[in-house]
Amino acid sequence: MSTSDEVTALTPGGPQRVEVLGAEFLNTTVKRFTLSRPKGFRFTPGQGCMVAVDSDGWRDKARPFTFTALPGARTLELIIKIYDEHQGVTWRMRTVGKGDHLLLGEAFGTITYKGPGVLFAGGAGITPFLAILRQLHQHKALKGHTLVWSNRTAGDVFLDAELGRMLGRHYLKTFTRENVIGFRDRRIDRDDLVQLVRDFDQRFYLCGPESFVTDLKALLLDLGAAPESLVFES
């Protein structure tokens, strides 16, 4: 889903009102929300929906967020990057807590699991992959998957221990604005891909800022990846 703080209306078919059962910060700018689940509400890993805060002045403003819990869970989970500088929807979400309510549209999304491959996430672009990875882990089917997660600094990382437990040495982190010993300190480039991937005859999942996805698509295609092997939000 989008990693900016653009404001749009809720999609047709909604909204459904849900209660915030719990809210906690995973780092200084990322917040996890546990929500009540409406009867019959369904989604597949990688999907999300339009979300608005159920309070005056905010009900007609919504942003797309991805569900991060397993599809069969009794509650819904959202993990949201807070952008204070915009004073938009995510800025408002900073103060949303237990007992408050959100409005959800219908589930949608084009990042769907199509088989083993390499998952490239940029910042908050990790969120569509969380439910996918958690479901694969539950089914003991993570063999053949690698996660490459690019962040600005080590402080932007969250759920690090869980991802490490699930993926082991196939969980790779890169940073673009901080020199962290043992990790690359630059944007993912062609040389990185050659070293990290090696086999370009497989699937590639991409999610993150628009420039991150656009650059990776071009590099992967140039290195021999088939256009139909690239999975990204469209």
C-alpha atoms as a PDB file:
ATOM      1  CA  MET A   1       0.000   0.000   0.000  1.00  0.00           C
ATOM      2  CA  SER A   2       0.984   3.638  -0.257  1.00  0.00           C
ATOM      3  CA  THR A   3       3.685   4.830   2.135  1.00  0.00           C
ATOM      4  CA  SER A   4       2.773   8.521   1.893  1.00  0.00           C
ATOM      5  CA  ASP A   5      -0.026  10.344   3.719  1.00  0.00           C
ATOM      6  CA  GLU A   6      -2.384  11.044   0.835  1.00  0.00           C
ATOM      7  CA  VAL A   7      -6.065  11.492   1.723  1.00  0.00           C
ATOM      8  CA  THR A   8      -8.874   9.827  -0.221  1.00  0.00           C
ATOM      9  CA  ALA A   9     -12.458   8.795   0.417  1.00  0.00           C
ATOM     10  CA  LEU A  10     -13.477   5.359   1.664  1.00  0.00           C
ATOM     11  CA  THR A  11     -14.133   2.816  -1.066  1.00  0.00           C
ATOM     12  CA  PRO A  12     -17.716   1.772  -1.923  1.00  0.00           C
ATOM     13  CA  GLY A  13     -19.083  -1.119   0.085  1.00  0.00           C
ATOM     14  CA  GLY A  14     -18.064   0.360   3.430  1.00  0.00           C
ATOM     15  CA  PRO A  15     -17.546   1.581   5.886  1.00  0.00           C
ATOM     16  CA  GLN A  16     -17.571  -0.924   8.701  1.00  0.00           C
ATOM     17  CA  ARG A  17     -17.019   0.458  12.192  1.00  0.00           C
ATOM     18  CA  VAL A  18     -14.452  -1.381  14.308  1.00  0.00           C
ATOM     19  CA  GLU A  19     -13.167  -0.840  17.815  1.00  0.00           C
ATOM     20  CA  VAL A  20      -9.509  -0.352  18.663  1.00  0.00           C
ATOM     21  CA  LEU A  21      -8.743  -3.137  21.154  1.00  0.00           C
ATOM     22  CA  GLY A  22      -5.105  -2.184  21.598  1.00  0.00           C
ATOM     23  CA  ALA A  23      -2.500   0.263  20.292  1.00  0.00           C
ATOM     24  CA  GLU A  24       1.252   0.351  20.833  1.00  0.00           C
ATOM     25  CA  PHE A  25       4.327   1.888  19.240  1.00  0.00           C
ATOM     26  CA  LEU A  26       6.837  -0.567  17.759  1.00  0.00           C
ATOM     27  CA  ASN A  27       9.366   2.257  17.374  1.00  0.00           C
ATOM     28  CA  THR A  28       9.114   6.043  17.488  1.00  0.00           C
ATOM     29  CA  THR A  29       7.161   6.317  14.216  1.00  0.00           C
ATOM     30  CA  VAL A  30       5.446   2.941  13.713  1.00  0.00           C
ATOM     31  CA  LYS A  31       2.270   2.002  15.573  1.00  0.00           C
ATOM     32  CA  ARG A  32       0.429  -1.317  15.787  1.00  0.00           C
ATOM     33  CA  PHE A  33      -3.372  -1.429  16.154  1.00  0.00           C
ATOM     34  CA  THR A  34      -5.395  -4.462  17.168  1.00  0.00           C
ATOM     35  CA  LEU A  35      -9.005  -4.134  15.977  1.00  0.00           C
ATOM     36  CA  SER A  36     -12.291  -5.935  16.432  1.00  0.00           C
ATOM     37  CA  ARG A  37     -13.194  -7.978  13.364  1.00  0.00           C
ATOM     38  CA  PRO A  38     -16.595  -7.516  11.711  1.00  0.00           C
ATOM     39  CA  LYS A  39     -18.540 -10.711  11.103  1.00  0.00           C
ATOM     40  CA  GLY A  40     -17.797 -12.080   7.650  1.00  0.00           C
ATOM     41  CA  PHE A  41     -14.889  -9.681   6.983  1.00  0.00           C
ATOM     42  CA  ARG A  42     -12.382 -11.450   4.740  1.00  0.00           C
ATOM     43  CA  PHE A  43      -9.007 -10.648   3.230  1.00  0.00           C
ATOM     44  CA  THR A  44      -6.077 -12.515   1.757  1.00  0.00           C
ATOM     45  CA  PRO A  45      -2.457 -11.973   2.859  1.00  0.00           C
ATOM     46  CA  GLY A  46      -1.104  -8.856   1.164  1.00  0.00           C
ATOM     47  CA  GLN A  47      -4.463  -7.102   1.021  1.00  0.00           C
ATOM     48  CA  GLY A  48      -5.609  -4.063   2.980  1.00  0.00           C
ATOM     49  CA  CYS A  49      -8.407  -1.538   2.901  1.00  0.00           C
ATOM     50  CA  MET A  50      -9.171   2.148   3.155  1.00  0.00           C
ATOM     51  CA  VAL A  51      -9.172   3.275   6.785  1.00  0.00           C
ATOM     52  CA  ALA A  52     -10.580   6.436   8.357  1.00  0.00           C
ATOM     53  CA  VAL A  53     -10.741   7.620  11.953  1.00  0.00           C
ATOM     54  CA  ASP A  54     -14.297   7.696  13.299  1.00  0.00           C
ATOM     55  CA  SER A  55     -14.210  11.228  14.694  1.00  0.00           C
ATOM     56  CA  ASP A  56     -15.436  14.637  13.567  1.00  0.00           C
ATOM     57  CA  GLY A  57     -13.454  16.029  10.662  1.00  0.00           C
ATOM     58  CA  TRP A  58     -11.832  12.696   9.807  1.00  0.00           C
ATOM     59  CA  ARG A  59     -14.607  10.352   8.679  1.00  0.00           C
ATOM     60  CA  ASP A  60     -14.345  11.502   5.051  1.00  0.00           C
ATOM     61  CA  LYS A  61     -10.558  11.127   4.973  1.00  0.00           C
ATOM     62  CA  ALA A  62      -8.980   7.722   4.491  1.00  0.00           C
ATOM     63  CA  ARG A  63      -5.732   6.037   3.590  1.00  0.00           C
ATOM     64  CA  PRO A  64      -4.927   2.497   2.426  1.00  0.00           C
ATOM     65  CA  PHE A  65      -3.354   0.275   5.085  1.00  0.00           C
ATOM     66  CA  THR A  66      -2.472  -3.401   4.920  1.00  0.00           C
ATOM     67  CA  PHE A  67      -3.643  -6.114   7.281  1.00  0.00           C
ATOM     68  CA  THR A  68      -0.676  -7.762   8.979  1.00  0.00           C
ATOM     69  CA  ALA A  69      -2.264 -10.550  11.053  1.00  0.00           C
ATOM     70  CA  LEU A  70      -3.224 -13.957   9.698  1.00  0.00           C
ATOM     71  CA  PRO A  71      -6.493 -14.091   7.714  1.00  0.00           C
ATOM     72  CA  GLY A  72      -7.963 -16.570  10.189  1.00  0.00           C
ATOM     73  CA  ALA A  73      -7.242 -14.483  13.299  1.00  0.00           C
ATOM     74  CA  ARG A  74     -10.163 -13.398  15.489  1.00  0.00           C
ATOM     75  CA  THR A  75      -8.961  -9.783  15.398  1.00  0.00           C
ATOM     76  CA  LEU A  76      -7.548  -7.519  12.705  1.00  0.00           C
ATOM     77  CA  GLU A  77      -4.112  -5.922  12.909  1.00  0.00           C
ATOM     78  CA  LEU A  78      -2.734  -2.826  11.219  1.00  0.00           C
ATOM     79  CA  ILE A  79       0.853  -1.587  11.470  1.00  0.00           C
ATOM     80  CA  ILE A  80       1.051   2.048  10.426  1.00  0.00           C
ATOM     81  CA  LYS A  81       3.912   4.437   9.770  1.00  0.00           C
ATOM     82  CA  ILE A  82       3.173   7.834  11.349  1.00  0.00           C
ATOM     83  CA  TYR A  83       3.995  10.904   9.235  1.00  0.00           C
ATOM     84  CA  ASP A  84       3.770  13.848  11.620  1.00  0.00           C
ATOM     85  CA  GLU A  85       4.980  16.418   9.112  1.00  0.00           C
ATOM     86  CA  HIS A  86       1.863  16.089   6.941  1.00  0.00           C
ATOM     87  CA  GLN A  87      -0.654  16.395   9.793  1.00  0.00           C
ATOM     88  CA  GLY A  88      -2.838  14.025   7.787  1.00  0.00           C
ATOM     89  CA  VAL A  89      -4.484  10.701   8.566  1.00  0.00           C
ATOM     90  CA  THR A  90      -1.444   8.989  10.054  1.00  0.00           C
ATOM     91  CA  TRP A  91      -0.721  12.067  12.180  1.00  0.00           C
ATOM     92  CA  ARG A  92      -4.247  11.694  13.575  1.00  0.00           C
ATOM     93  CA  MET A  93      -3.632   7.971  14.144  1.00  0.00           C
ATOM     94  CA  ARG A  94      -0.823   8.811  16.555  1.00  0.00           C
ATOM     95  CA  THR A  95      -3.432   9.703  19.203  1.00  0.00           C
ATOM     96  CA  VAL A  96      -5.892   6.894  18.420  1.00  0.00           C
ATOM     97  CA  GLY A  97      -5.983   4.385  21.272  1.00  0.00           C
ATOM     98  CA  LYS A  98      -7.916   1.613  22.957  1.00  0.00           C
ATOM     99  CA  GLY A  99     -11.657   2.247  22.898  1.00  0.00           C
ATOM    100  CA  ASP A 100     -11.572   4.525  19.848  1.00  0.00           C
ATOM    101  CA  HIS A 101     -13.120   3.471  16.546  1.00  0.00           C
ATOM    102  CA  LEU A 102     -12.010   3.275  12.926  1.00  0.00           C
ATOM    103  CA  LEU A 103     -13.970   2.939   9.686  1.00  0.00           C
ATOM    104  CA  LEU A 104     -12.907   0.245   7.213  1.00  0.00           C
ATOM    105  CA  GLY A 105     -13.691  -0.075   3.519  1.00  0.00           C
ATOM    106  CA  GLU A 106     -13.642  -3.299   1.514  1.00  0.00           C
ATOM    107  CA  ALA A 107     -10.457  -5.370   1.321  1.00  0.00           C
ATOM    108  CA  PHE A 108      -8.416  -4.901  -1.844  1.00  0.00           C
ATOM    109  CA  GLY A 109      -4.849  -5.148  -3.130  1.00  0.00           C
ATOM    110  CA  THR A 110      -2.806  -6.650  -5.933  1.00  0.00           C
ATOM    111  CA  ILE A 111       0.143  -7.945  -3.911  1.00  0.00           C
ATOM    112  CA  THR A 112      -0.839 -11.592  -3.667  1.00  0.00           C
ATOM    113  CA  TYR A 113       1.324 -14.603  -2.981  1.00  0.00           C
ATOM    114  CA  LYS A 114       2.249 -16.521  -6.136  1.00  0.00           C
ATOM    115  CA  GLY A 115       5.028 -18.790  -4.909  1.00  0.00           C
ATOM    116  CA  PRO A 116       8.580 -18.715  -3.512  1.00  0.00           C
ATOM    117  CA  GLY A 117      10.853 -15.817  -4.362  1.00  0.00           C
ATOM    118  CA  VAL A 118      12.587 -12.702  -3.095  1.00  0.00           C
ATOM    119  CA  LEU A 119      10.597 -10.031  -1.277  1.00  0.00           C
ATOM    120  CA  PHE A 120      11.982  -6.487  -1.492  1.00  0.00           C
ATOM    121  CA  ALA A 121      10.507  -4.050   1.024  1.00  0.00           C
ATOM    122  CA  GLY A 122      11.253  -0.353   1.373  1.00  0.00           C
ATOM    123  CA  GLY A 123      10.434   1.073   4.803  1.00  0.00           C
ATOM    124  CA  ALA A 124       6.737   0.676   5.633  1.00  0.00           C
ATOM    125  CA  GLY A 125       6.433  -1.357   2.439  1.00  0.00           C
ATOM    126  CA  ILE A 126       7.148  -4.371   4.637  1.00  0.00           C
ATOM    127  CA  THR A 127       3.512  -4.447   5.807  1.00  0.00           C
ATOM    128  CA  PRO A 128       1.927  -6.367   2.868  1.00  0.00           C
ATOM    129  CA  PHE A 129       4.567  -9.056   3.316  1.00  0.00           C
ATOM    130  CA  LEU A 130       3.969  -9.612   7.027  1.00  0.00           C
ATOM    131  CA  ALA A 131       0.727 -11.580   6.705  1.00  0.00           C
ATOM    132  CA  ILE A 132       2.215 -13.506   3.757  1.00  0.00           C
ATOM    133  CA  LEU A 133       5.321 -14.468   5.712  1.00  0.00           C
ATOM    134  CA  ARG A 134       3.366 -15.278   8.870  1.00  0.00           C
ATOM    135  CA  GLN A 135       1.042 -17.585   6.944  1.00  0.00           C
ATOM    136  CA  LEU A 136       3.957 -19.333   5.235  1.00  0.00           C
ATOM    137  CA  HIS A 137       5.647 -19.719   8.611  1.00  0.00           C
ATOM    138  CA  GLN A 138       2.468 -21.204  10.086  1.00  0.00           C
ATOM    139  CA  HIS A 139       2.392 -23.754   7.266  1.00  0.00           C
ATOM    140  CA  LYS A 140       6.162 -24.404   7.552  1.00  0.00           C
ATOM    141  CA  ALA A 141       6.553 -23.296   3.938  1.00  0.00           C
ATOM    142  CA  LEU A 142       9.175 -20.527   4.141  1.00  0.00           C
ATOM    143  CA  LYS A 143      11.900 -22.487   2.353  1.00  0.00           C
ATOM    144  CA  GLY A 144      12.874 -20.719  -0.868  1.00  0.00           C
ATOM    145  CA  HIS A 145      11.940 -17.234   0.351  1.00  0.00           C
ATOM    146  CA  THR A 146      14.256 -14.306   1.063  1.00  0.00           C
ATOM    147  CA  LEU A 147      13.302 -10.940   2.520  1.00  0.00           C
ATOM    148  CA  VAL A 148      15.422  -7.888   1.706  1.00  0.00           C
ATOM    149  CA  TRP A 149      14.294  -4.905   3.789  1.00  0.00           C
ATOM    150  CA  SER A 150      15.675  -1.425   3.129  1.00  0.00           C
ATOM    151  CA  ASN A 151      15.314   1.304   5.770  1.00  0.00           C
ATOM    152  CA  ARG A 152      16.888   4.686   6.351  1.00  0.00           C
ATOM    153  CA  THR A 153      18.360   3.758   9.748  1.00  0.00           C
ATOM    154  CA  ALA A 154      18.419   0.831  12.173  1.00  0.00           C
ATOM    155  CA  GLY A 155      15.902   2.718  14.324  1.00  0.00           C
ATOM    156  CA  ASP A 156      13.289   2.360  11.581  1.00  0.00           C
ATOM    157  CA  VAL A 157      13.285  -1.436  11.870  1.00  0.00           C
ATOM    158  CA  PHE A 158      10.456  -3.144  13.764  1.00  0.00           C
ATOM    159  CA  LEU A 159       9.477  -6.774  14.429  1.00  0.00           C
ATOM    160  CA  ASP A 160      13.146  -7.561  13.899  1.00  0.00           C
ATOM    161  CA  ALA A 161      13.223 -10.552  16.251  1.00  0.00           C
ATOM    162  CA  GLU A 162      10.134 -12.153  14.706  1.00  0.00           C
ATOM    163  CA  LEU A 163      11.437 -11.781  11.157  1.00  0.00           C
ATOM    164  CA  GLY A 164      14.801 -13.158  12.231  1.00  0.00           C
ATOM    165  CA  ARG A 165      13.176 -16.210  13.826  1.00  0.00           C
ATOM    166  CA  MET A 166      11.077 -16.901  10.750  1.00  0.00           C
ATOM    167  CA  LEU A 167      13.678 -16.373   8.034  1.00  0.00           C
ATOM    168  CA  GLY A 168      17.083 -16.764   9.684  1.00  0.00           C
ATOM    169  CA  ARG A 169      19.903 -15.969   7.256  1.00  0.00           C
ATOM    170  CA  HIS A 170      17.343 -15.266   4.549  1.00  0.00           C
ATOM    171  CA  TYR A 171      16.345 -12.047   6.307  1.00  0.00           C
ATOM    172  CA  LEU A 172      18.600  -9.279   4.961  1.00  0.00           C
ATOM    173  CA  LYS A 173      18.624  -5.620   6.018  1.00  0.00           C
ATOM    174  CA  THR A 174      20.071  -2.620   4.217  1.00  0.00           C
ATOM    175  CA  PHE A 175      20.242   0.995   5.366  1.00  0.00           C
ATOM    176  CA  THR A 176      20.443   4.137   3.270  1.00  0.00           C
ATOM    177  CA  ARG A 177      21.323   6.855   5.807  1.00  0.00           C
ATOM    178  CA  GLU A 178      23.236   5.192   8.611  1.00  0.00           C
ATOM    179  CA  ASN A 179      26.494   3.317   8.822  1.00  0.00           C
ATOM    180  CA  VAL A 180      25.612   0.104  10.632  1.00  0.00           C
ATOM    181  CA  ILE A 181      28.466  -2.377  11.049  1.00  0.00           C
ATOM    182  CA  GLY A 182      27.782  -5.553   9.109  1.00  0.00           C
ATOM    183  CA  PHE A 183      25.129  -4.078   6.840  1.00  0.00           C
ATOM    184  CA  ARG A 184      25.145  -2.218   3.525  1.00  0.00           C
ATOM    185  CA  ASP A 185      24.892   1.563   3.839  1.00  0.00           C
ATOM    186  CA  ARG A 186      23.390   2.597   0.498  1.00  0.00           C
ATOM    187  CA  ARG A 187      20.392   2.168  -1.759  1.00  0.00           C
ATOM    188  CA  ILE A 188      20.052  -1.250  -3.369  1.00  0.00           C
ATOM    189  CA  ASP A 189      21.848  -1.076  -6.711  1.00  0.00           C
ATOM    190  CA  ARG A 190      22.701  -3.409  -9.597  1.00  0.00           C
ATOM    191  CA  ASP A 191      25.785  -4.836  -7.880  1.00  0.00           C
ATOM    192  CA  ASP A 192      23.747  -5.581  -4.757  1.00  0.00           C
ATOM    193  CA  LEU A 193      21.143  -7.441  -6.779  1.00  0.00           C
ATOM    194  CA  VAL A 194      23.723  -9.554  -8.568  1.00  0.00           C
ATOM    195  CA  GLN A 195      25.234 -10.518  -5.222  1.00  0.00           C
ATOM    196  CA  LEU A 196      21.949 -10.985  -3.339  1.00  0.00           C
ATOM    197  CA  VAL A 197      19.829 -12.689  -5.978  1.00  0.00           C
ATOM    198  CA  ARG A 198      22.087 -14.497  -8.458  1.00  0.00           C
ATOM    199  CA  ASP A 199      19.126 -16.450  -9.859  1.00  0.00           C
ATOM    200  CA  PHE A 200      16.808 -14.083 -11.720  1.00  0.00           C
ATOM    201  CA  ASP A 201      14.532 -16.880 -12.921  1.00  0.00           C
ATOM    202  CA  GLN A 202      12.205 -16.620  -9.911  1.00  0.00           C
ATOM    203  CA  ARG A 203       9.488 -14.398  -8.486  1.00  0.00           C
ATOM    204  CA  PHE A 204      10.138 -10.958  -7.050  1.00  0.00           C
ATOM    205  CA  TYR A 205       7.757  -9.118  -4.741  1.00  0.00           C
ATOM    206  CA  LEU A 206       8.213  -5.337  -4.476  1.00  0.00           C
ATOM    207  CA  CYS A 207       6.625  -2.852  -2.096  1.00  0.00           C
ATOM    208  CA  GLY A 208       7.721   0.556  -0.831  1.00  0.00           C
ATOM    209  CA  PRO A 209       7.967   4.163  -1.996  1.00  0.00           C
ATOM    210  CA  GLU A 210       7.250   4.666  -5.692  1.00  0.00           C
ATOM    211  CA  SER A 211      10.883   5.416  -6.555  1.00  0.00           C
ATOM    212  CA  PHE A 212      12.036   2.293  -4.688  1.00  0.00           C
ATOM    213  CA  VAL A 213       9.668   0.049  -6.671  1.00  0.00           C
ATOM    214  CA  THR A 214      10.313   1.777 -10.011  1.00  0.00           C
ATOM    215  CA  ASP A 215      14.096   1.536  -9.665  1.00  0.00           C
ATOM    216  CA  LEU A 216      14.028  -2.109  -8.600  1.00  0.00           C
ATOM    217  CA  LYS A 217      11.684  -3.094 -11.422  1.00  0.00           C
ATOM    218  CA  ALA A 218      14.027  -1.543 -13.985  1.00  0.00           C
ATOM    219  CA  LEU A 219      17.115  -3.183 -12.470  1.00  0.00           C
ATOM    220  CA  LEU A 220      15.520  -6.623 -12.183  1.00  0.00           C
ATOM    221  CA  LEU A 221      14.238  -6.548 -15.747  1.00  0.00           C
ATOM    222  CA  ASP A 222      17.645  -5.426 -16.994  1.00  0.00           C
ATOM    223  CA  LEU A 223      19.236  -8.356 -15.165  1.00  0.00           C
ATOM    224  CA  GLY A 224      16.938 -10.868 -16.847  1.00  0.00           C
ATOM    225  CA  ALA A 225      13.861 -11.147 -14.645  1.00  0.00           C
ATOM    226  CA  ALA A 226      10.671 -11.841 -16.588  1.00  0.00           C
ATOM    227  CA  PRO A 227       8.028  -9.085 -16.429  1.00  0.00           C
ATOM    228  CA  GLU A 228       5.425 -11.612 -15.273  1.00  0.00           C
ATOM    229  CA  SER A 229       7.654 -12.612 -12.354  1.00  0.00           C
ATOM    230  CA  LEU A 230       7.337  -9.165 -10.716  1.00  0.00           C
ATOM    231  CA  VAL A 231       4.560  -8.734  -8.141  1.00  0.00           C
ATOM    232  CA  PHE A 232       3.800  -5.203  -6.968  1.00  0.00           C
ATOM    233  CA  GLU A 233       0.882  -2.902  -6.137  1.00  0.00           C
ATOM    234  CA  SER A 234      -0.694  -1.600  -9.323  1.00  0.00           C
END
